Amino acid sequence: MKKLLSATAFLMALCFSPFALSLDEKVYVNVNGMVCDFCARALEKVFGRQESVESIKVDLDDRLVVIHLRKGEQLDDATITQLITDSGYAVREIKRGE
């Protein structure tokens, strides 16, 4: 019983720690074909329709799209690739991280 209480207390502490509260995921997507501000706005509009997406940032110089996901939400690589491909661009690489 004591081990169960200790384990429960540990899990609760982990869930409410500042580390757990900052686990919003970012997805980094290298994209070919983006050349202008209209390209960036088009992708912002497409990803803005996704419920799991908090916001995105498009860097035309680095050809990088950073997708900020809502806490606890996911967006799989196939969906990301499909959304970008349907918009007329090519995905080079997808990375995930903080």
Protein backbone atom coordinates (compact mmCIF):
# COMPACT_ATOMS: atom_id res chain seq x y z
CA MET A 1 0.00 0.00 0.00
CA LYS A 2 2.85 2.36 0.86
CA LYS A 3 4.47 1.73 -2.54
CA LEU A 4 1.18 2.48 -4.29
CA LEU A 5 0.82 5.79 -2.46
CA SER A 6 4.41 6.70 -3.23
CA ALA A 7 3.95 5.89 -6.91
CA THR A 8 0.74 7.90 -7.06
CA ALA A 9 2.38 10.89 -5.38
CA PHE A 10 5.31 10.70 -7.78
CA LEU A 11 3.04 10.59 -10.85
CA MET A 12 0.95 13.51 -9.58
CA ALA A 13 4.09 15.57 -8.94
CA LEU A 14 5.32 14.80 -12.43
CA CYS A 15 1.99 15.76 -14.01
CA PHE A 16 1.86 19.11 -12.26
CA SER A 17 5.53 20.03 -12.56
CA PRO A 18 6.59 22.99 -14.74
CA PHE A 19 8.26 20.49 -17.07
CA ALA A 20 4.96 18.73 -17.76
CA LEU A 21 3.19 22.02 -18.34
CA SER A 22 5.63 23.04 -21.08
CA LEU A 23 5.38 19.94 -23.25
CA ASP A 24 3.76 21.71 -26.21
CA GLU A 25 5.21 20.06 -29.24
CA LYS A 26 6.77 21.79 -32.20
CA VAL A 27 7.11 20.21 -35.63
CA TYR A 28 9.81 21.48 -37.98
CA VAL A 29 9.12 20.94 -41.67
CA ASN A 30 11.63 21.75 -44.43
CA VAL A 31 9.65 22.66 -47.54
CA ASN A 32 10.70 23.22 -51.15
CA GLY A 33 8.83 25.62 -53.41
CA MET A 34 7.99 28.44 -50.99
CA VAL A 35 9.22 31.68 -52.55
CA CYS A 36 6.98 34.54 -51.45
CA ASP A 37 4.77 35.90 -48.73
CA PHE A 38 1.69 34.49 -50.47
CA CYS A 39 3.18 31.01 -50.06
CA ALA A 40 3.56 31.60 -46.34
CA ARG A 41 0.01 32.96 -45.96
CA ALA A 42 -1.41 29.99 -47.88
CA LEU A 43 0.24 27.50 -45.52
CA GLU A 44 -0.80 29.51 -42.47
CA LYS A 45 -4.39 29.36 -43.68
CA VAL A 46 -4.27 25.60 -44.38
CA PHE A 47 -2.75 24.72 -41.01
CA GLY A 48 -4.94 27.24 -39.20
CA ARG A 49 -7.94 25.06 -40.07
CA GLN A 50 -6.47 22.11 -38.16
CA GLU A 51 -7.83 21.84 -34.62
CA SER A 52 -4.55 20.39 -33.32
CA VAL A 53 -2.52 23.40 -34.52
CA GLU A 54 -2.01 26.34 -32.15
CA SER A 55 -0.02 28.40 -34.65
CA ILE A 56 2.62 28.16 -37.36
CA LYS A 57 5.60 30.24 -38.38
CA VAL A 58 6.93 30.22 -41.92
CA ASP A 59 10.55 31.19 -42.58
CA LEU A 60 10.94 31.70 -46.34
CA ASP A 61 14.72 32.21 -46.19
CA ASP A 62 15.31 28.85 -44.50
CA ARG A 63 12.35 27.16 -46.23
CA LEU A 64 11.14 26.11 -42.80
CA VAL A 65 7.64 25.77 -41.38
CA VAL A 66 7.41 25.49 -37.59
CA ILE A 67 4.07 24.10 -36.43
CA HIS A 68 3.12 24.70 -32.79
CA LEU A 69 0.66 22.04 -31.67
CA ARG A 70 -1.93 22.55 -28.95
CA LYS A 71 -1.15 20.90 -25.65
CA GLY A 72 -1.90 17.21 -25.80
CA GLU A 73 -2.65 17.26 -29.53
CA GLN A 74 -0.89 15.40 -32.34
CA LEU A 75 -0.60 15.82 -36.09
CA ASP A 76 0.98 12.89 -37.90
CA ASP A 77 3.64 13.21 -40.58
CA ALA A 78 1.36 11.83 -43.30
CA THR A 79 -1.24 14.55 -42.64
CA ILE A 80 1.41 17.28 -42.58
CA THR A 81 2.88 16.01 -45.85
CA GLN A 82 -0.56 15.79 -47.46
CA LEU A 83 -1.53 19.34 -46.43
CA ILE A 84 1.72 20.78 -47.77
CA THR A 85 1.68 18.70 -50.96
CA ASP A 86 -1.95 19.66 -51.66
CA SER A 87 -0.88 23.30 -51.31
CA GLY A 88 1.65 22.83 -54.12
CA TYR A 89 4.90 22.44 -52.17
CA ALA A 90 7.26 19.53 -51.51
CA VAL A 91 8.24 18.29 -48.05
CA ARG A 92 11.96 17.60 -47.67
CA GLU A 93 12.10 16.63 -44.00
CA ILE A 94 9.97 16.57 -40.85
CA LYS A 95 11.50 16.78 -37.37
CA ARG A 96 9.81 16.94 -34.00
CA GLY A 97 11.02 18.54 -30.81
CA GLU A 98 10.71 21.24 -28.21
